[in-house]
């Protein structure tokens, strides 16, 4: 009886550990997906803003300056 209780307790502990591991993995996957979505939304917003600048800018210099500013929000874009 005591051995069976220990075995059952050990099995239960193993199941709890396995489930906890699965939950940690699922949470990490959700966080990765959320970060990926946020990145895609930021890129899409930048592309729409760049498209808008093609008609809003008065000349090419202004267009390039505005595009550069938008790209600089996404990545390092310092002019040399």
Protein backbone atom coordinates (compact mmCIF):
# COMPACT_ATOMS: atom_id res chain seq x y z
CA UNK A 1 0.00 0.00 0.00
CA UNK A 2 2.74 2.46 0.94
CA UNK A 3 4.76 1.57 -2.16
CA UNK A 4 1.74 2.08 -4.35
CA UNK A 5 1.11 5.46 -2.75
CA UNK A 6 4.72 6.51 -3.41
CA UNK A 7 4.52 5.29 -7.01
CA UNK A 8 1.25 7.16 -7.56
CA UNK A 9 2.72 10.27 -5.99
CA UNK A 10 5.80 10.01 -8.22
CA UNK A 11 3.63 9.55 -11.34
CA UNK A 12 1.55 12.55 -10.38
CA UNK A 13 4.66 14.66 -9.82
CA UNK A 14 6.02 13.63 -13.23
CA UNK A 15 2.72 14.57 -14.89
CA UNK A 16 2.72 17.94 -13.12
CA UNK A 17 6.30 18.62 -14.25
CA UNK A 18 5.46 17.63 -17.83
CA UNK A 19 2.39 19.85 -17.89
CA UNK A 20 4.30 22.77 -16.39
CA UNK A 21 6.90 22.38 -19.12
CA UNK A 22 4.19 22.35 -21.79
CA UNK A 23 2.65 25.51 -20.33
CA UNK A 24 6.03 27.28 -20.31
CA UNK A 25 6.59 26.30 -23.94
CA UNK A 26 3.10 27.49 -24.95
CA UNK A 27 3.62 30.81 -23.18
CA UNK A 28 6.98 31.33 -24.89
CA UNK A 29 5.38 30.56 -28.26
CA UNK A 30 2.58 33.07 -27.61
CA UNK A 31 5.12 35.73 -26.66
CA UNK A 32 7.11 35.04 -29.84
CA UNK A 33 3.96 35.27 -31.97
CA UNK A 34 2.93 38.53 -30.29
CA UNK A 35 6.36 40.04 -30.95
CA UNK A 36 6.21 38.88 -34.55
CA UNK A 37 2.76 40.44 -35.00
CA UNK A 38 3.90 43.72 -33.46
CA UNK A 39 6.90 43.81 -35.78
CA UNK A 40 4.73 43.10 -38.83
CA UNK A 41 2.26 45.82 -37.82
CA UNK A 42 5.08 48.32 -37.37
CA UNK A 43 6.47 47.47 -40.81
CA UNK A 44 3.03 47.69 -42.43
CA UNK A 45 2.44 51.08 -40.83
CA UNK A 46 5.80 52.33 -42.14
CA UNK A 47 4.99 51.12 -45.66
CA UNK A 48 1.63 52.88 -45.63
CA UNK A 49 3.27 56.07 -44.37
CA UNK A 50 5.93 55.89 -47.09
CA UNK A 51 3.21 55.37 -49.71
CA UNK A 52 1.40 58.40 -48.33
CA UNK A 53 4.53 60.49 -48.60
CA UNK A 54 4.70 59.90 -52.36
CA UNK A 55 1.70 62.17 -52.80
CA UNK A 56 2.14 64.43 -49.77
CA UNK A 57 5.73 65.55 -50.37
CA UNK A 58 6.28 68.72 -52.37
CA UNK A 59 9.54 67.62 -54.00
CA UNK A 60 11.99 64.72 -54.11
CA UNK A 61 14.20 66.12 -51.38
CA UNK A 62 11.27 66.27 -48.97
CA UNK A 63 10.14 62.79 -50.06
CA UNK A 64 13.59 61.29 -49.46
CA UNK A 65 13.92 63.05 -46.11
CA UNK A 66 10.52 61.77 -44.99
CA UNK A 67 11.21 58.23 -46.20
CA UNK A 68 14.55 58.28 -44.41
CA UNK A 69 12.86 59.41 -41.21
CA UNK A 70 10.31 56.60 -41.42
CA UNK A 71 12.97 53.97 -42.12
CA UNK A 72 15.04 55.29 -39.21
CA UNK A 73 12.15 54.30 -36.91
CA UNK A 74 12.57 50.70 -38.06
CA UNK A 75 16.34 50.37 -38.20
CA UNK A 76 19.61 52.26 -37.95
CA UNK A 77 19.64 54.65 -40.92
CA UNK A 78 22.22 57.33 -40.22
CA UNK A 79 23.54 59.15 -43.27
CA UNK A 80 27.28 59.30 -43.65
